[in-house]
Protein backbone atom coordinates (compact mmCIF):
# COMPACT_ATOMS: atom_id res chain seq x y z
CA MET A 1 0.00 0.00 0.00
CA ASN A 2 2.86 2.38 0.73
CA VAL A 3 4.25 1.78 -2.75
CA LEU A 4 0.90 2.83 -4.21
CA ARG A 5 0.66 5.87 -1.91
CA LYS A 6 4.11 7.13 -2.87
CA TYR A 7 3.91 6.32 -6.58
CA PRO A 8 5.05 9.51 -8.36
CA THR A 9 2.02 9.90 -10.65
CA SER A 10 -1.62 10.67 -10.06
CA SER A 11 -2.81 7.50 -11.80
CA ILE A 12 -1.64 3.92 -12.21
CA ARG A 13 -2.39 1.53 -15.07
CA LEU A 14 -2.34 -2.21 -14.42
CA ASP A 15 -1.65 -4.80 -17.10
CA VAL A 16 -4.16 -7.44 -16.04
CA ALA A 17 -2.95 -10.03 -18.55
CA GLU A 18 0.65 -9.81 -17.35
CA THR A 19 -0.51 -9.77 -13.72
CA LEU A 20 -2.33 -13.05 -14.30
CA GLU A 21 0.81 -14.51 -15.92
CA ILE A 22 2.80 -13.54 -12.82
CA ALA A 23 0.16 -15.12 -10.58
CA THR A 24 0.33 -18.33 -12.63
CA GLU A 25 4.12 -18.40 -12.39
CA LEU A 26 4.04 -17.90 -8.63
CA GLU A 27 1.40 -20.61 -8.30
CA LYS A 28 3.73 -23.02 -10.14
CA LEU A 29 6.55 -22.20 -7.71
CA VAL A 30 4.26 -22.76 -4.72
CA ASN A 31 3.09 -26.10 -6.13
CA GLN A 32 6.68 -27.19 -6.75
CA THR A 33 7.50 -26.36 -3.15
CA HIS A 34 4.52 -28.37 -1.90
CA ARG A 35 5.58 -31.37 -4.01
CA ALA A 36 9.12 -31.17 -2.65
CA ILE A 37 7.84 -31.01 0.94
CA ALA A 38 5.54 -33.99 0.29
CA ALA A 39 8.45 -36.02 -1.11
CA VAL A 40 10.64 -35.23 1.91
CA SER A 41 7.78 -36.01 4.28
CA GLN A 42 7.14 -39.37 2.60
CA GLN A 43 10.82 -40.31 2.77
CA SER A 44 11.04 -39.27 6.43
CA LYS A 45 8.10 -41.54 7.28
CA ILE A 46 9.81 -44.46 5.54
CA GLU A 47 13.02 -43.86 7.47
CA ALA A 48 11.16 -43.30 10.75
CA ALA A 49 9.47 -46.68 10.34
CA THR A 50 12.87 -48.40 10.44
CA ILE A 51 13.67 -46.94 13.88
CA SER A 52 10.27 -47.45 15.46
CA GLN A 53 11.81 -49.45 18.31
CA THR A 54 13.68 -46.41 19.62
CA ASN A 55 12.46 -45.12 22.96
CA PHE A 56 12.17 -41.44 22.12
CA SER A 57 11.17 -40.57 25.67
CA GLN A 58 14.79 -41.16 26.68
CA LEU A 59 16.10 -38.62 24.19
CA PRO A 60 16.58 -34.93 25.09
CA ASN A 61 13.85 -32.42 24.28
CA LEU A 62 15.57 -30.28 21.66
CA GLN A 63 12.96 -27.54 21.97
CA VAL A 64 14.65 -26.35 25.17
CA PRO A 65 18.32 -25.40 25.65
CA GLY A 66 20.81 -28.06 26.66
CA LYS A 67 22.86 -28.11 29.84
CA PHE A 68 26.22 -26.87 28.51
CA LYS A 69 27.50 -23.31 28.53
CA SER A 70 29.66 -22.16 25.63
CA GLN A 71 32.33 -19.60 24.82
CA LYS A 72 32.18 -17.67 21.55
CA TYR A 73 35.37 -16.70 19.70
CA THR A 74 35.58 -14.63 16.52
CA LEU A 75 38.57 -15.60 14.38
CA LYS A 76 40.17 -13.50 11.65
CA LEU A 77 41.46 -15.97 9.11
CA PHE A 78 43.03 -14.88 5.84
CA ASP A 79 43.35 -17.16 2.85
CA SER A 80 46.18 -15.49 0.95
CA LYS A 81 45.79 -17.75 -2.10
CA ARG A 82 42.28 -16.42 -2.72
CA ASN A 83 42.69 -13.03 -1.00
CA ARG A 84 39.72 -13.68 1.30
CA LEU A 85 39.36 -12.49 4.87
CA LEU A 86 37.20 -15.05 6.67
CA LEU A 87 35.73 -13.68 9.88
CA THR A 88 34.48 -16.81 11.62
CA ASP A 89 32.48 -17.30 14.82
CA VAL A 90 33.34 -20.43 16.78
CA TYR A 91 31.23 -21.60 19.74
CA ILE A 92 33.03 -24.00 22.09
CA PRO A 93 30.90 -25.88 24.65
CA ASN A 94 32.16 -26.47 28.17
CA VAL A 95 32.47 -30.25 27.85
CA GLN A 96 35.19 -32.62 29.00
CA ASN A 97 35.68 -34.55 25.77
CA ALA A 98 36.50 -33.20 22.33
CA ALA A 99 33.27 -31.84 20.81
CA PRO A 100 31.98 -32.86 17.37
CA VAL A 101 31.82 -29.89 15.00
CA ILE A 102 28.88 -28.42 13.10
CA VAL A 103 29.42 -25.80 10.37
CA ILE A 104 26.58 -23.42 9.48
CA SER A 105 26.78 -21.64 6.10
CA HIS A 106 24.67 -18.48 5.84
CA GLY A 107 22.52 -17.47 2.88
CA LEU A 108 22.95 -14.73 0.31
CA GLY A 109 23.03 -11.26 1.87
CA LEU A 110 23.23 -12.58 5.45
CA ASP A 111 26.10 -13.14 7.88
CA SER A 112 27.08 -15.17 10.93
CA SER A 113 24.95 -13.04 13.29
CA ASN A 114 21.78 -14.46 11.72
CA PHE A 115 22.64 -17.87 13.16
CA GLN A 116 23.84 -16.89 16.62
CA TYR A 117 20.61 -18.21 18.16
CA LEU A 118 21.05 -21.61 16.52
CA ALA A 119 24.78 -21.88 17.18
CA THR A 120 24.19 -21.12 20.87
CA HIS A 121 21.42 -23.72 21.02
CA LEU A 122 23.50 -26.44 19.35
CA SER A 123 26.53 -25.74 21.53
CA SER A 124 24.33 -26.12 24.61
CA TYR A 125 24.01 -29.78 23.56
CA GLY A 126 27.77 -30.28 23.37
CA PHE A 127 28.52 -29.39 19.73
CA ALA A 128 31.29 -27.03 18.68
CA VAL A 129 29.69 -24.73 16.11
CA VAL A 130 31.53 -22.88 13.35
CA VAL A 131 29.76 -20.04 11.50
CA PRO A 132 31.82 -18.42 8.71
CA ASN A 133 31.13 -15.12 7.00
CA HIS A 134 31.41 -15.64 3.22
CA PRO A 135 32.78 -12.24 2.12
CA GLY A 136 31.54 -12.26 -1.48
CA SER A 137 27.90 -12.98 -0.66
CA ASP A 138 27.28 -11.71 2.86
CA ALA A 139 25.41 -8.75 4.34
CA LYS A 140 28.36 -6.43 3.66
CA GLN A 141 28.23 -7.31 -0.04
CA LEU A 142 24.50 -6.60 -0.11
CA ARG A 143 25.00 -3.20 1.58
CA SER A 144 27.70 -2.37 -0.97
CA LEU A 145 25.28 -3.18 -3.75
CA LEU A 146 22.56 -0.96 -2.26
CA ASN A 147 25.11 1.84 -1.81
CA ARG A 148 26.20 1.42 -5.47
CA GLN A 149 29.68 0.36 -4.41
CA ALA A 150 29.24 -3.07 -6.03
CA ILE A 151 27.64 -4.09 -9.31
CA GLU A 152 26.68 -7.67 -8.41
CA VAL A 153 24.77 -9.21 -5.52
CA ALA A 154 27.28 -12.09 -5.83
CA GLU A 155 29.96 -13.07 -8.31
CA PRO A 156 29.73 -16.46 -10.05
CA SER A 157 32.99 -17.39 -8.32
CA GLU A 158 31.04 -17.65 -5.05
CA PHE A 159 29.87 -21.08 -6.20
CA GLN A 160 33.52 -22.14 -5.89
CA ASP A 161 34.71 -19.89 -3.10
CA ARG A 162 32.04 -20.70 -0.52
CA PRO A 163 32.88 -24.43 -0.20
CA LEU A 164 36.58 -23.54 -0.27
CA ASP A 165 35.96 -21.09 2.62
CA VAL A 166 34.71 -23.93 4.81
CA THR A 167 37.56 -26.23 3.80
CA TYR A 168 40.13 -23.55 4.62
CA ILE A 169 38.53 -22.76 7.99
CA LEU A 170 38.40 -26.42 9.02
CA ASN A 171 42.06 -26.85 8.06
CA GLN A 172 42.99 -23.83 10.20
CA LEU A 173 40.95 -25.17 13.11
CA GLU A 174 42.77 -28.48 12.79
CA LYS A 175 46.04 -26.62 13.28
CA GLY A 176 44.56 -24.57 16.13
CA ASN A 177 43.30 -27.73 17.79
CA GLN A 178 46.94 -28.71 18.29
CA SER A 179 48.48 -25.38 19.26
CA ASP A 180 45.87 -22.69 20.07
CA SER A 181 45.13 -22.60 23.80
CA ARG A 182 41.49 -21.69 23.10
CA PHE A 183 40.82 -24.87 21.17
CA LYS A 184 43.65 -27.24 22.06
CA GLY A 185 42.18 -30.74 21.99
CA ARG A 186 38.61 -29.45 22.37
CA LEU A 187 37.49 -30.09 18.77
CA ASN A 188 36.70 -33.50 17.29
CA LEU A 189 37.43 -32.78 13.64
CA GLN A 190 36.89 -36.42 12.70
CA LYS A 191 33.18 -35.78 13.27
CA VAL A 192 32.08 -32.77 11.25
CA GLY A 193 28.57 -31.94 10.05
CA VAL A 194 27.50 -29.03 7.85
CA PHE A 195 24.24 -27.41 6.87
CA GLY A 196 23.20 -24.09 5.45
CA GLN A 197 20.33 -21.88 4.43
CA SER A 198 19.61 -20.94 0.80
CA LEU A 199 22.99 -20.37 -0.89
CA GLY A 200 24.45 -21.90 2.27
CA GLY A 201 22.44 -25.02 1.46
CA TYR A 202 24.23 -25.20 -1.88
CA THR A 203 27.53 -24.74 -0.01
CA ALA A 204 26.78 -27.72 2.22
CA LEU A 205 25.79 -29.91 -0.73
CA ALA A 206 28.94 -28.97 -2.65
CA LEU A 207 31.10 -29.86 0.34
CA ALA A 208 29.40 -33.25 0.46
CA GLY A 209 30.33 -33.89 -3.17
CA ALA A 210 27.32 -32.64 -5.14
CA LYS A 211 28.09 -31.14 -8.54
CA ILE A 212 26.42 -28.31 -10.43
CA ASN A 213 24.20 -29.68 -13.20
CA PHE A 214 25.36 -27.43 -16.03
CA GLN A 215 23.31 -29.34 -18.61
CA GLN A 216 20.08 -28.70 -16.69
CA LEU A 217 20.99 -25.05 -16.14
CA LYS A 218 21.49 -24.54 -19.88
CA GLN A 219 17.94 -25.78 -20.41
CA ASP A 220 16.43 -23.67 -17.63
CA CYS A 221 18.38 -20.46 -18.20
CA GLN A 222 17.08 -19.42 -21.60
CA PRO A 223 16.89 -15.59 -21.81
CA ALA A 224 13.25 -15.51 -22.92
CA ALA A 225 12.16 -17.67 -19.99
CA LEU A 226 14.25 -15.75 -17.45
CA GLN A 227 12.74 -12.41 -18.50
CA LYS A 228 9.35 -13.58 -17.28
CA SER A 229 10.52 -15.70 -14.36
CA TRP A 230 9.82 -14.78 -10.75
CA ASN A 231 12.10 -17.54 -9.53
CA MET A 232 14.82 -15.44 -7.87
CA SER A 233 16.75 -18.57 -6.93
CA LEU A 234 17.01 -19.63 -10.58
CA LEU A 235 18.36 -16.21 -11.57
CA LEU A 236 21.21 -16.72 -9.11
CA GLN A 237 21.77 -20.33 -10.15
CA CYS A 238 22.10 -19.29 -13.80
CA ARG A 239 25.18 -17.25 -12.89
CA ALA A 240 26.96 -20.57 -12.39
CA LEU A 241 26.95 -21.03 -16.17
CA GLU A 242 29.66 -18.37 -16.32
CA LEU A 243 31.88 -20.81 -14.41
CA SER A 244 31.23 -23.44 -17.05
CA ILE A 245 32.40 -21.03 -19.75
CA SER A 246 35.44 -19.71 -17.88
CA LYS A 247 36.59 -23.16 -16.73
CA SER A 248 35.76 -25.05 -19.94
CA GLY A 249 33.14 -27.12 -18.16
CA LYS A 250 35.46 -28.27 -15.37
CA ASP A 251 33.53 -29.63 -12.36
């Protein structure tokens, strides 16, 4: 309503036909989402059926905080090979044994602060939590774009750099686990999990070995289709095709 109130003309014309096309496109996206959720739900029921003998009443209630306190450290790591400053939050729980590690990769235009609540919660259950800031696709990059100091919301190279960020950070933590008094022997880097949100979800999948499907992207990223698409995620995904061109199709 505020957009309409502040529109800089006294009248507004609406293209009803194009509006209906947009509504149809959005409805398709919603239906695709519902189908994906249904598929995940069906698979989860199948898997749950195989562990029906588990006494869930003996497991902790994850809706409430765990019993462990944690200490947060912010590390300034610099990967000189890629010229990337990786500010990284690490949450270390107060446990006796070395803690398994969980990495959280943030989404496009966000940063590590968005996941402080979740990192704190996980560490209260005895996990060491690592939350990197990906410098080419974080909140700072988004602010630069809005302030006209950057021309892209994210460079195509982020599809490569984000997974490499996590690899570099874990390698540095492995060194710190031997010599840094803050972490010495407190991290179990043989047990590492990773998840992420949005572009961070891609980052997690890439780290696990998933590959970009360039053939599918070439089909989906036709200019005529993209002009009418309201699928913002696809617009970002199509940038990965520039990697295919620059690297001659190298995985």
